[in-house]
Amino acid sequence: MAIAPRRIQLTPLRPRLNLQLQVKLQHPISMSPLQFIVDAFVNTFGITRPSPQTEERAGRIILLMLAAVLLFICLVAWLLLSVLTH
């Protein structure tokens, strides 16, 4: 009886990138500013990615919160300016 030689499978030291990933990185990504803000918020706080409907609602809520903070900062600056100039 002859013994069949075993095939040794070598694995590369670095895994190769998927070709589809390389193609995706070459094309520009179009994204709305609101979508960018939602993605940044989700990634910063590490929350679970919401469904598209919930993501849209979350985007509106985040936009309202940012607008409220900006309005508050402007109001405080206006009050300080008016107190310091009189």
Protein backbone atom coordinates (compact mmCIF):
# COMPACT_ATOMS: atom_id res chain seq x y z
CA MET A 1 0.00 0.00 0.00
CA ALA A 2 1.26 3.42 -0.93
CA ILE A 3 0.78 6.30 1.45
CA ALA A 4 -0.53 9.48 -0.18
CA PRO A 5 1.58 12.55 0.62
CA ARG A 6 -0.08 15.13 2.85
CA ARG A 7 -0.61 18.58 1.48
CA ILE A 8 0.66 21.34 3.68
CA GLN A 9 -1.33 24.52 3.48
CA LEU A 10 0.65 27.68 4.15
CA THR A 11 -1.12 30.74 5.45
CA PRO A 12 0.21 34.21 4.69
CA LEU A 13 1.57 36.27 7.56
CA ARG A 14 -0.68 39.22 6.66
CA PRO A 15 -4.26 38.62 5.60
CA ARG A 16 -5.02 40.11 2.22
CA LEU A 17 -7.66 42.77 1.84
CA ASN A 18 -10.85 41.78 0.15
CA LEU A 19 -10.91 43.07 -3.44
CA GLN A 20 -14.41 44.43 -2.97
CA LEU A 21 -13.18 46.50 -0.03
CA GLN A 22 -10.41 47.94 -2.18
CA VAL A 23 -12.91 48.90 -4.89
CA LYS A 24 -15.19 50.56 -2.34
CA LEU A 25 -12.35 52.65 -0.97
CA GLN A 26 -11.51 54.01 -4.41
CA HIS A 27 -14.96 55.54 -5.03
CA PRO A 28 -16.04 58.76 -3.29
CA ILE A 29 -18.66 58.34 -0.60
CA SER A 30 -21.66 60.65 -0.72
CA MET A 31 -23.28 61.19 2.65
CA SER A 32 -25.59 63.84 3.99
CA PRO A 33 -24.22 65.98 6.82
CA LEU A 34 -26.99 64.74 9.10
CA GLN A 35 -26.04 61.12 8.35
CA PHE A 36 -22.43 61.97 9.17
CA ILE A 37 -23.48 63.47 12.53
CA VAL A 38 -25.60 60.43 13.38
CA ASP A 39 -22.75 58.06 12.48
CA ALA A 40 -20.30 60.09 14.55
CA PHE A 41 -22.70 60.09 17.51
CA VAL A 42 -23.28 56.33 17.28
CA ASN A 43 -19.56 55.60 16.95
CA THR A 44 -18.55 58.00 19.73
CA PHE A 45 -20.94 56.67 22.33
CA GLY A 46 -20.75 53.05 21.16
CA ILE A 47 -24.49 52.51 20.93
CA THR A 48 -26.06 49.84 18.77
CA ARG A 49 -26.68 50.94 15.19
CA PRO A 50 -30.39 51.80 14.88
CA SER A 51 -32.68 50.75 12.06
CA PRO A 52 -33.02 53.23 9.14
CA GLN A 53 -36.34 54.61 10.44
CA THR A 54 -35.01 55.02 13.96
CA GLU A 55 -31.76 56.45 12.61
CA GLU A 56 -33.69 59.17 10.78
CA ARG A 57 -35.61 60.07 13.92
CA ALA A 58 -32.41 60.02 15.98
CA GLY A 59 -30.82 62.35 13.45
CA ARG A 60 -33.60 64.87 13.91
CA ILE A 61 -33.31 64.65 17.70
CA ILE A 62 -29.52 65.07 17.57
CA LEU A 63 -29.92 68.05 15.23
CA LEU A 64 -32.43 69.64 17.63
CA MET A 65 -30.06 69.09 20.57
CA LEU A 66 -27.16 70.67 18.67
CA ALA A 67 -29.34 73.62 17.69
CA ALA A 68 -30.45 74.06 21.32
CA VAL A 69 -26.85 74.02 22.55
CA LEU A 70 -25.83 76.55 19.90
CA LEU A 71 -28.78 78.78 20.80
CA PHE A 72 -27.88 78.55 24.50
CA ILE A 73 -24.24 79.47 23.82
CA CYS A 74 -25.33 82.45 21.70
CA LEU A 75 -27.76 83.58 24.42
CA VAL A 76 -25.08 83.38 27.13
CA ALA A 77 -22.62 85.26 24.91
CA TRP A 78 -25.21 87.97 24.19
CA LEU A 79 -26.04 88.33 27.90
CA LEU A 80 -22.36 88.56 28.85
CA LEU A 81 -21.71 91.09 26.13
CA SER A 82 -24.67 93.23 27.17
CA VAL A 83 -23.72 93.10 30.88
CA LEU A 84 -20.05 93.86 30.24
CA THR A 85 -20.69 96.77 27.86
CA HIS A 86 -23.15 98.64 30.13
